[in-house]
C-alpha atoms as a PDB file:
ATOM      1  CA  MET A   1      22.377  20.525  13.774  1.00  0.00           C
ATOM      2  CA  LYS A   2      24.181  23.205  15.718  1.00  0.00           C
ATOM      3  CA  ASN A   3      27.403  22.088  17.325  1.00  0.00           C
ATOM      4  CA  PRO A   4      27.076  18.413  16.419  1.00  0.00           C
ATOM      5  CA  ASN A   5      29.364  15.914  18.411  1.00  0.00           C
ATOM      6  CA  PHE A   6      30.601  13.109  16.223  1.00  0.00           C
ATOM      7  CA  TYR A   7      31.101   9.353  17.647  1.00  0.00           C
ATOM      8  CA  ALA A   8      32.558   6.499  15.774  1.00  0.00           C
ATOM      9  CA  LEU A   9      31.180   3.159  16.328  1.00  0.00           C
ATOM     10  CA  ILE A  10      33.366   0.449  15.054  1.00  0.00           C
ATOM     11  CA  ILE A  11      31.879  -2.941  15.092  1.00  0.00           C
ATOM     12  CA  GLY A  12      33.990  -6.064  14.737  1.00  0.00           C
ATOM     13  CA  SER A  13      35.567  -8.870  16.928  1.00  0.00           C
ATOM     14  CA  GLU A  14      38.112  -9.407  14.140  1.00  0.00           C
ATOM     15  CA  ILE A  15      39.492  -5.809  15.006  1.00  0.00           C
ATOM     16  CA  LEU A  16      39.631  -6.615  18.897  1.00  0.00           C
ATOM     17  CA  ASN A  17      41.245  -9.972  18.490  1.00  0.00           C
ATOM     18  CA  GLY A  18      43.830  -8.580  15.857  1.00  0.00           C
ATOM     19  CA  ARG A  19      42.768 -10.406  12.722  1.00  0.00           C
ATOM     20  CA  ARG A  20      42.101  -7.159  11.034  1.00  0.00           C
ATOM     21  CA  GLU A  21      43.440  -3.597  11.634  1.00  0.00           C
ATOM     22  CA  ASP A  22      41.053  -0.471  12.322  1.00  0.00           C
ATOM     23  CA  ARG A  23      41.235   1.992   9.444  1.00  0.00           C
ATOM     24  CA  HIS A  24      38.159   4.191  10.496  1.00  0.00           C
ATOM     25  CA  PHE A  25      39.513   6.117  13.457  1.00  0.00           C
ATOM     26  CA  LYS A  26      42.267   7.917  11.660  1.00  0.00           C
ATOM     27  CA  PHE A  27      40.141   8.579   8.599  1.00  0.00           C
ATOM     28  CA  LEU A  28      37.513  10.410  10.767  1.00  0.00           C
ATOM     29  CA  GLN A  29      39.950  12.227  12.900  1.00  0.00           C
ATOM     30  CA  ASN A  30      41.348  13.816   9.670  1.00  0.00           C
ATOM     31  CA  ILE A  31      38.239  14.726   7.886  1.00  0.00           C
ATOM     32  CA  LEU A  32      36.438  15.978  10.908  1.00  0.00           C
ATOM     33  CA  LYS A  33      39.377  18.087  11.736  1.00  0.00           C
ATOM     34  CA  GLU A  34      39.511  19.342   8.119  1.00  0.00           C
ATOM     35  CA  SER A  35      35.718  20.329   8.359  1.00  0.00           C
ATOM     36  CA  ASN A  36      36.228  22.061  11.793  1.00  0.00           C
ATOM     37  CA  LEU A  37      33.935  19.314  13.381  1.00  0.00           C
ATOM     38  CA  LYS A  38      34.222  17.917  16.735  1.00  0.00           C
ATOM     39  CA  PHE A  39      35.162  14.348  17.051  1.00  0.00           C
ATOM     40  CA  SER A  40      33.979  13.566  20.633  1.00  0.00           C
ATOM     41  CA  GLY A  41      34.534   9.642  20.914  1.00  0.00           C
ATOM     42  CA  SER A  42      35.448   6.366  19.387  1.00  0.00           C
ATOM     43  CA  PHE A  43      34.083   2.855  20.453  1.00  0.00           C
ATOM     44  CA  ILE A  44      35.319  -0.524  19.117  1.00  0.00           C
ATOM     45  CA  ILE A  45      33.094  -3.245  20.277  1.00  0.00           C
ATOM     46  CA  GLU A  46      32.415  -6.984  19.660  1.00  0.00           C
ATOM     47  CA  ASP A  47      29.765  -8.408  17.427  1.00  0.00           C
ATOM     48  CA  LYS A  48      27.288  -9.000  20.112  1.00  0.00           C
ATOM     49  CA  ILE A  49      23.720  -7.598  19.568  1.00  0.00           C
ATOM     50  CA  GLU A  50      23.104  -6.563  23.236  1.00  0.00           C
ATOM     51  CA  LEU A  51      26.390  -4.679  23.330  1.00  0.00           C
ATOM     52  CA  ILE A  52      25.777  -2.972  19.982  1.00  0.00           C
ATOM     53  CA  ALA A  53      22.228  -1.953  20.723  1.00  0.00           C
ATOM     54  CA  SER A  54      23.175  -0.491  24.247  1.00  0.00           C
ATOM     55  CA  THR A  55      26.162   1.365  22.821  1.00  0.00           C
ATOM     56  CA  ILE A  56      23.879   2.991  20.112  1.00  0.00           C
ATOM     57  CA  LYS A  57      21.311   3.813  22.711  1.00  0.00           C
ATOM     58  CA  TYR A  58      23.882   5.500  24.844  1.00  0.00           C
ATOM     59  CA  LEU A  59      25.298   7.506  22.081  1.00  0.00           C
ATOM     60  CA  SER A  60      22.010   8.398  20.808  1.00  0.00           C
ATOM     61  CA  MET A  61      21.025  10.049  24.164  1.00  0.00           C
ATOM     62  CA  LEU A  62      24.149  12.297  24.254  1.00  0.00           C
ATOM     63  CA  PRO A  63      23.724  15.933  23.494  1.00  0.00           C
ATOM     64  CA  ASN A  64      23.903  16.765  19.591  1.00  0.00           C
ATOM     65  CA  SER A  65      25.286  13.428  18.924  1.00  0.00           C
ATOM     66  CA  VAL A  66      26.028  12.158  15.583  1.00  0.00           C
ATOM     67  CA  ILE A  67      27.110   8.473  15.118  1.00  0.00           C
ATOM     68  CA  PHE A  68      29.072   6.987  12.248  1.00  0.00           C
ATOM     69  CA  SER A  69      28.832   3.168  12.802  1.00  0.00           C
ATOM     70  CA  PHE A  70      30.889   0.845  10.794  1.00  0.00           C
ATOM     71  CA  GLY A  71      30.131  -2.870  10.315  1.00  0.00           C
ATOM     72  CA  GLY A  72      27.556  -5.386  10.841  1.00  0.00           C
ATOM     73  CA  ILE A  73      25.070  -4.546   8.063  1.00  0.00           C
ATOM     74  CA  GLY A  74      25.873  -7.380   5.761  1.00  0.00           C
ATOM     75  CA  SER A  75      23.887 -10.694   5.119  1.00  0.00           C
ATOM     76  CA  THR A  76      25.753 -13.289   7.521  1.00  0.00           C
ATOM     77  CA  PRO A  77      24.505 -14.502  10.741  1.00  0.00           C
ATOM     78  CA  ASP A  78      26.794 -12.179  12.882  1.00  0.00           C
ATOM     79  CA  ASP A  79      25.652  -9.044  11.035  1.00  0.00           C
ATOM     80  CA  TYR A  80      23.458  -7.634  13.930  1.00  0.00           C
ATOM     81  CA  THR A  81      23.648  -3.920  13.383  1.00  0.00           C
ATOM     82  CA  ARG A  82      20.351  -3.279  11.630  1.00  0.00           C
ATOM     83  CA  GLU A  83      18.363  -5.186  14.394  1.00  0.00           C
ATOM     84  CA  ALA A  84      20.642  -3.375  17.287  1.00  0.00           C
ATOM     85  CA  ALA A  85      19.840   0.040  15.629  1.00  0.00           C
ATOM     86  CA  SER A  86      16.003  -0.636  15.816  1.00  0.00           C
ATOM     87  CA  ILE A  87      16.308  -2.035  19.248  1.00  0.00           C
ATOM     88  CA  ALA A  88      17.992   1.258  20.365  1.00  0.00           C
ATOM     89  CA  ILE A  89      16.299   3.816  18.427  1.00  0.00           C
ATOM     90  CA  ARG A  90      13.099   2.286  16.899  1.00  0.00           C
ATOM     91  CA  ASP A  91      10.625  -0.425  17.700  1.00  0.00           C
ATOM     92  CA  GLY A  92      12.892  -3.411  17.633  1.00  0.00           C
ATOM     93  CA  ARG A  93      11.582  -4.518  14.357  1.00  0.00           C
ATOM     94  CA  LEU A  94      12.947  -4.604  10.880  1.00  0.00           C
ATOM     95  CA  TYR A  95      11.004  -3.575   7.613  1.00  0.00           C
ATOM     96  CA  THR A  96      11.534  -4.363   4.114  1.00  0.00           C
ATOM     97  CA  ASN A  97      12.967  -1.471   1.977  1.00  0.00           C
ATOM     98  CA  LYS A  98      11.511  -1.981  -1.348  1.00  0.00           C
ATOM     99  CA  GLU A  99      14.157   0.043  -3.247  1.00  0.00           C
ATOM    100  CA  PHE A 100      16.949  -1.601  -1.494  1.00  0.00           C
ATOM    101  CA  LYS A 101      15.358  -5.086  -2.238  1.00  0.00           C
ATOM    102  CA  LEU A 102      14.998  -4.288  -5.896  1.00  0.00           C
ATOM    103  CA  LYS A 103      18.594  -3.260  -6.249  1.00  0.00           C
ATOM    104  CA  ILE A 104      19.677  -6.570  -4.424  1.00  0.00           C
ATOM    105  CA  GLU A 105      17.252  -8.713  -6.752  1.00  0.00           C
ATOM    106  CA  LYS A 106      18.909  -7.333  -9.624  1.00  0.00           C
ATOM    107  CA  ARG A 107      22.400  -8.105  -8.487  1.00  0.00           C
ATOM    108  CA  ILE A 108      21.581 -11.511  -7.534  1.00  0.00           C
ATOM    109  CA  LYS A 109      19.665 -12.454 -10.438  1.00  0.00           C
ATOM    110  CA  GLY A 110      20.036 -16.001 -11.538  1.00  0.00           C
ATOM    111  CA  SER A 111      21.581 -17.001  -8.205  1.00  0.00           C
ATOM    112  CA  SER A 112      20.034 -19.373  -5.775  1.00  0.00           C
ATOM    113  CA  ASN A 113      21.598 -17.440  -2.762  1.00  0.00           C
ATOM    114  CA  ARG A 114      18.667 -15.300  -1.444  1.00  0.00           C
ATOM    115  CA  HIS A 115      20.648 -14.440   1.824  1.00  0.00           C
ATOM    116  CA  PRO A 116      21.716 -10.781   0.509  1.00  0.00           C
ATOM    117  CA  LEU A 117      17.959  -9.924   0.617  1.00  0.00           C
ATOM    118  CA  ASN A 118      18.384  -9.731   4.439  1.00  0.00           C
ATOM    119  CA  MET A 119      20.307  -6.516   3.851  1.00  0.00           C
ATOM    120  CA  ALA A 120      17.218  -4.709   2.750  1.00  0.00           C
ATOM    121  CA  ASN A 121      15.533  -5.277   6.283  1.00  0.00           C
ATOM    122  CA  LEU A 122      16.050  -1.883   8.047  1.00  0.00           C
ATOM    123  CA  PRO A 123      14.737  -0.157  11.057  1.00  0.00           C
ATOM    124  CA  LEU A 124      11.464   1.957  10.463  1.00  0.00           C
ATOM    125  CA  ASP A 125      11.993   5.075   8.560  1.00  0.00           C
ATOM    126  CA  SER A 126      15.320   4.481   7.384  1.00  0.00           C
ATOM    127  CA  LYS A 127      17.030   6.591   4.800  1.00  0.00           C
ATOM    128  CA  LEU A 128      19.251   4.889   2.340  1.00  0.00           C
ATOM    129  CA  LEU A 129      22.982   6.041   1.841  1.00  0.00           C
ATOM    130  CA  PRO A 130      24.355   5.733  -1.524  1.00  0.00           C
ATOM    131  CA  ASN A 131      27.549   3.378  -2.094  1.00  0.00           C
ATOM    132  CA  GLU A 132      29.386   4.358  -5.195  1.00  0.00           C
ATOM    133  CA  LEU A 133      31.699   1.500  -5.093  1.00  0.00           C
ATOM    134  CA  ASN A 134      29.117  -1.453  -5.524  1.00  0.00           C
ATOM    135  CA  GLY A 135      25.634   0.131  -5.095  1.00  0.00           C
ATOM    136  CA  MET A 136      24.868  -1.800  -1.904  1.00  0.00           C
ATOM    137  CA  TYR A 137      23.337   0.960   0.474  1.00  0.00           C
ATOM    138  CA  GLY A 138      24.120   1.897   3.958  1.00  0.00           C
ATOM    139  CA  PHE A 139      21.224   3.506   5.939  1.00  0.00           C
ATOM    140  CA  SER A 140      20.634   6.491   8.341  1.00  0.00           C
ATOM    141  CA  LEU A 141      18.100   7.338  11.028  1.00  0.00           C
ATOM    142  CA  GLU A 142      16.944  10.870  11.877  1.00  0.00           C
ATOM    143  CA  ASP A 143      19.633  12.432   9.737  1.00  0.00           C
ATOM    144  CA  ARG A 144      21.942  11.738  12.838  1.00  0.00           C
ATOM    145  CA  PHE A 145      22.879   8.135  13.031  1.00  0.00           C
ATOM    146  CA  PHE A 146      24.483   6.668   9.949  1.00  0.00           C
ATOM    147  CA  PHE A 147      25.193   2.945   9.530  1.00  0.00           C
ATOM    148  CA  MET A 148      27.800   1.867   6.985  1.00  0.00           C
ATOM    149  CA  PRO A 149      29.617  -1.211   5.933  1.00  0.00           C
ATOM    150  CA  GLY A 150      32.899  -2.187   7.578  1.00  0.00           C
ATOM    151  CA  PHE A 151      34.864  -1.862   4.414  1.00  0.00           C
ATOM    152  CA  PRO A 152      36.486   1.346   4.302  1.00  0.00           C
ATOM    153  CA  GLU A 153      36.409   1.569   0.424  1.00  0.00           C
ATOM    154  CA  MET A 154      32.586   1.756   1.014  1.00  0.00           C
ATOM    155  CA  SER A 155      31.968   3.461   4.132  1.00  0.00           C
ATOM    156  CA  HIS A 156      34.504   6.504   3.850  1.00  0.00           C
ATOM    157  CA  GLN A 157      32.925   7.804   0.695  1.00  0.00           C
ATOM    158  CA  MET A 158      29.529   7.486   2.606  1.00  0.00           C
ATOM    159  CA  VAL A 159      30.932   9.634   5.466  1.00  0.00           C
ATOM    160  CA  LYS A 160      32.058  12.242   2.817  1.00  0.00           C
ATOM    161  CA  TYR A 161      28.590  12.163   1.372  1.00  0.00           C
ATOM    162  CA  VAL A 162      26.941  12.655   4.698  1.00  0.00           C
ATOM    163  CA  LEU A 163      29.297  15.531   5.846  1.00  0.00           C
ATOM    164  CA  LYS A 164      28.523  17.434   2.591  1.00  0.00           C
ATOM    165  CA  LYS A 165      24.785  16.725   2.592  1.00  0.00           C
ATOM    166  CA  TYR A 166      24.051  17.279   6.293  1.00  0.00           C
ATOM    167  CA  PHE A 167      26.829  19.158   8.078  1.00  0.00           C
ATOM    168  CA  SER A 168      28.515  21.306   5.540  1.00  0.00           C
ATOM    169  CA  ASN A 169      27.736  24.401   7.413  1.00  0.00           C
ATOM    170  CA  SER A 170      27.935  23.075  11.009  1.00  0.00           C
ATOM    171  CA  GLY A 171      31.739  23.523  11.461  1.00  0.00           C
ATOM    172  CA  LYS A 172      33.247  26.170  13.484  1.00  0.00           C
ATOM    173  CA  ARG A 173      36.703  27.582  13.507  1.00  0.00           C
ATOM    174  CA  GLU A 174      38.763  26.753  16.405  1.00  0.00           C
ATOM    175  CA  TYR A 175      41.498  28.976  17.952  1.00  0.00           C
ATOM    176  CA  ARG A 176      44.272  27.143  19.682  1.00  0.00           C
ATOM    177  CA  TYR A 177      47.497  28.562  21.489  1.00  0.00           C
ATOM    178  CA  THR A 178      50.122  26.421  22.854  1.00  0.00           C
ATOM    179  CA  LEU A 179      53.301  26.810  24.824  1.00  0.00           C
ATOM    180  CA  THR A 180      55.635  24.182  26.337  1.00  0.00           C
ATOM    181  CA  ALA A 181      57.432  25.096  29.725  1.00  0.00           C
ATOM    182  CA  LEU A 182      60.104  23.518  31.587  1.00  0.00           C
ATOM    183  CA  CYS A 183      57.984  22.850  34.781  1.00  0.00           C
ATOM    184  CA  LYS A 184      55.904  20.271  36.299  1.00  0.00           C
ATOM    185  CA  GLU A 185      52.144  20.062  35.313  1.00  0.00           C
ATOM    186  CA  SER A 186      50.967  20.819  38.745  1.00  0.00           C
ATOM    187  CA  GLU A 187      52.332  24.421  38.494  1.00  0.00           C
ATOM    188  CA  PHE A 188      49.348  25.197  36.190  1.00  0.00           C
ATOM    189  CA  ILE A 189      46.576  23.675  38.072  1.00  0.00           C
ATOM    190  CA  GLU A 190      45.168  26.851  39.638  1.00  0.00           C
ATOM    191  CA  LEU A 191      45.043  28.577  36.261  1.00  0.00           C
ATOM    192  CA  MET A 192      43.263  25.725  34.761  1.00  0.00           C
ATOM    193  CA  GLN A 193      40.863  25.641  37.681  1.00  0.00           C
ATOM    194  CA  GLU A 194      39.891  29.418  36.830  1.00  0.00           C
ATOM    195  CA  SER A 195      39.610  28.940  32.803  1.00  0.00           C
ATOM    196  CA  HIS A 196      36.674  30.733  31.282  1.00  0.00           C
ATOM    197  CA  GLU A 197      33.685  28.353  30.579  1.00  0.00           C
ATOM    198  CA  GLU A 198      33.991  28.843  26.816  1.00  0.00           C
ATOM    199  CA  VAL A 199      37.659  28.068  26.852  1.00  0.00           C
ATOM    200  CA  ASP A 200      39.073  24.406  26.969  1.00  0.00           C
ATOM    201  CA  VAL A 201      42.628  24.389  28.628  1.00  0.00           C
ATOM    202  CA  SER A 202      44.472  21.003  28.499  1.00  0.00           C
ATOM    203  CA  SER A 203      48.010  19.815  29.614  1.00  0.00           C
ATOM    204  CA  LEU A 204      50.440  17.363  28.294  1.00  0.00           C
ATOM    205  CA  PRO A 205      53.160  16.487  30.744  1.00  0.00           C
ATOM    206  CA  LYS A 206      56.495  14.803  30.119  1.00  0.00           C
ATOM    207  CA  ILE A 207      58.739  13.484  32.671  1.00  0.00           C
ATOM    208  CA  TYR A 208      62.522  13.047  32.095  1.00  0.00           C
ATOM    209  CA  LYS A 209      65.233  11.688  34.368  1.00  0.00           C
ATOM    210  CA  ASP A 210      66.341  15.190  35.543  1.00  0.00           C
ATOM    211  CA  SER A 211      63.465  17.277  34.667  1.00  0.00           C
ATOM    212  CA  SER A 212      59.802  17.853  33.634  1.00  0.00           C
ATOM    213  CA  GLN A 213      58.017  19.846  30.895  1.00  0.00           C
ATOM    214  CA  THR A 214      54.442  20.583  30.260  1.00  0.00           C
ATOM    215  CA  THR A 215      52.584  21.660  27.080  1.00  0.00           C
ATOM    216  CA  ILE A 216      49.621  23.812  27.759  1.00  0.00           C
ATOM    217  CA  SER A 217      47.011  23.966  24.881  1.00  0.00           C
ATOM    218  CA  VAL A 218      44.286  26.794  25.133  1.00  0.00           C
ATOM    219  CA  LEU A 219      41.316  26.329  22.742  1.00  0.00           C
ATOM    220  CA  SER A 220      38.121  28.191  22.031  1.00  0.00           C
ATOM    221  CA  PHE A 221      35.732  29.251  19.299  1.00  0.00           C
ATOM    222  CA  ASN A 222      36.241  32.746  20.371  1.00  0.00           C
ATOM    223  CA  ASP A 223      39.648  34.023  19.451  1.00  0.00           C
ATOM    224  CA  ASN A 224      39.619  36.934  22.049  1.00  0.00           C
ATOM    225  CA  LEU A 225      38.765  34.576  24.726  1.00  0.00           C
ATOM    226  CA  ALA A 226      41.392  32.148  23.704  1.00  0.00           C
ATOM    227  CA  LYS A 227      44.171  34.922  23.458  1.00  0.00           C
ATOM    228  CA  ASN A 228      43.106  36.431  26.886  1.00  0.00           C
ATOM    229  CA  GLU A 229      43.394  32.849  28.435  1.00  0.00           C
ATOM    230  CA  PHE A 230      46.570  32.182  26.746  1.00  0.00           C
ATOM    231  CA  LYS A 231      48.217  35.539  28.118  1.00  0.00           C
ATOM    232  CA  LYS A 232      47.633  34.376  31.614  1.00  0.00           C
ATOM    233  CA  TYR A 233      49.852  31.480  31.052  1.00  0.00           C
ATOM    234  CA  ILE A 234      52.535  33.609  29.403  1.00  0.00           C
ATOM    235  CA  ASP A 235      52.358  36.077  32.337  1.00  0.00           C
ATOM    236  CA  PHE A 236      52.523  33.320  34.654  1.00  0.00           C
ATOM    237  CA  VAL A 237      55.704  31.545  33.287  1.00  0.00           C
ATOM    238  CA  ASN A 238      57.342  34.982  32.893  1.00  0.00           C
ATOM    239  CA  LYS A 239      56.563  35.979  36.582  1.00  0.00           C
ATOM    240  CA  TYR A 240      58.343  32.847  37.821  1.00  0.00           C
ATOM    241  CA  ASN A 241      61.123  32.814  35.382  1.00  0.00           C
ATOM    242  CA  ILE A 242      59.942  29.553  33.864  1.00  0.00           C
ATOM    243  CA  ARG A 243      61.789  28.672  30.545  1.00  0.00           C
ATOM    244  CA  TYR A 244      59.330  28.097  27.806  1.00  0.00           C
ATOM    245  CA  THR A 245      58.672  28.096  24.023  1.00  0.00           C
ATOM    246  CA  ILE A 246      55.578  28.915  22.128  1.00  0.00           C
ATOM    247  CA  GLY A 247      54.171  25.826  20.643  1.00  0.00           C
ATOM    248  CA  GLU A 248      54.223  22.127  21.331  1.00  0.00           C
ATOM    249  CA  GLY A 249      57.865  21.390  20.945  1.00  0.00           C
ATOM    250  CA  TYR A 250      60.871  22.305  23.248  1.00  0.00           C
ATOM    251  CA  THR A 251      64.524  21.747  22.236  1.00  0.00           C
ATOM    252  CA  ARG A 252      66.220  20.329  25.404  1.00  0.00           C
END
């Protein structure tokens, strides 16, 4: 896929109520940055099938979206992600994956507990994602939507597998230039409004008791465009004798 936009869907009421701390966002932030891939959004939602299904549906309709979904694919009654994914992307039904079923049957051989077999019921045309930790699979749809356990020890190695298999050639180098100036953010509004469509300009203000400072960040996949846009800000602060430093830090 050209220019994929990655989204994290983190499912678990226990994260929202504070019983467990999220470990997926920071991991994805780091690994996508290392791969020059765009992290476009992160959602943490509770274990409600309607909410999970509607969120997956919404994300699946966004341009070039790729979903990494964490949680809700186990065998307990509150594991709704498999069904929700089918409602959002397929026909709302689940089908037994024979390979996964055999894997589970071997694992629970001799046990009277048959509930783990529910994990083998997946949306139509699901592909299995390997799990090096304990062999219990995740699954994917359309090579874009990836559903993994909530446990980071399992899911994070699945993310690495997915990025290597499907997106190793998708990353594009970003060119970013920043300056921090001793002025209000509003000073730069007109320049920001005139930015080239292939250049992303953002501002980060800080307000102190006696002064203000603003960090301007210019980003593009085209280095020449980024440099030209950044020069406009350098020329501006020089023209109006605004004190500034190159980079995000400023020694007050």
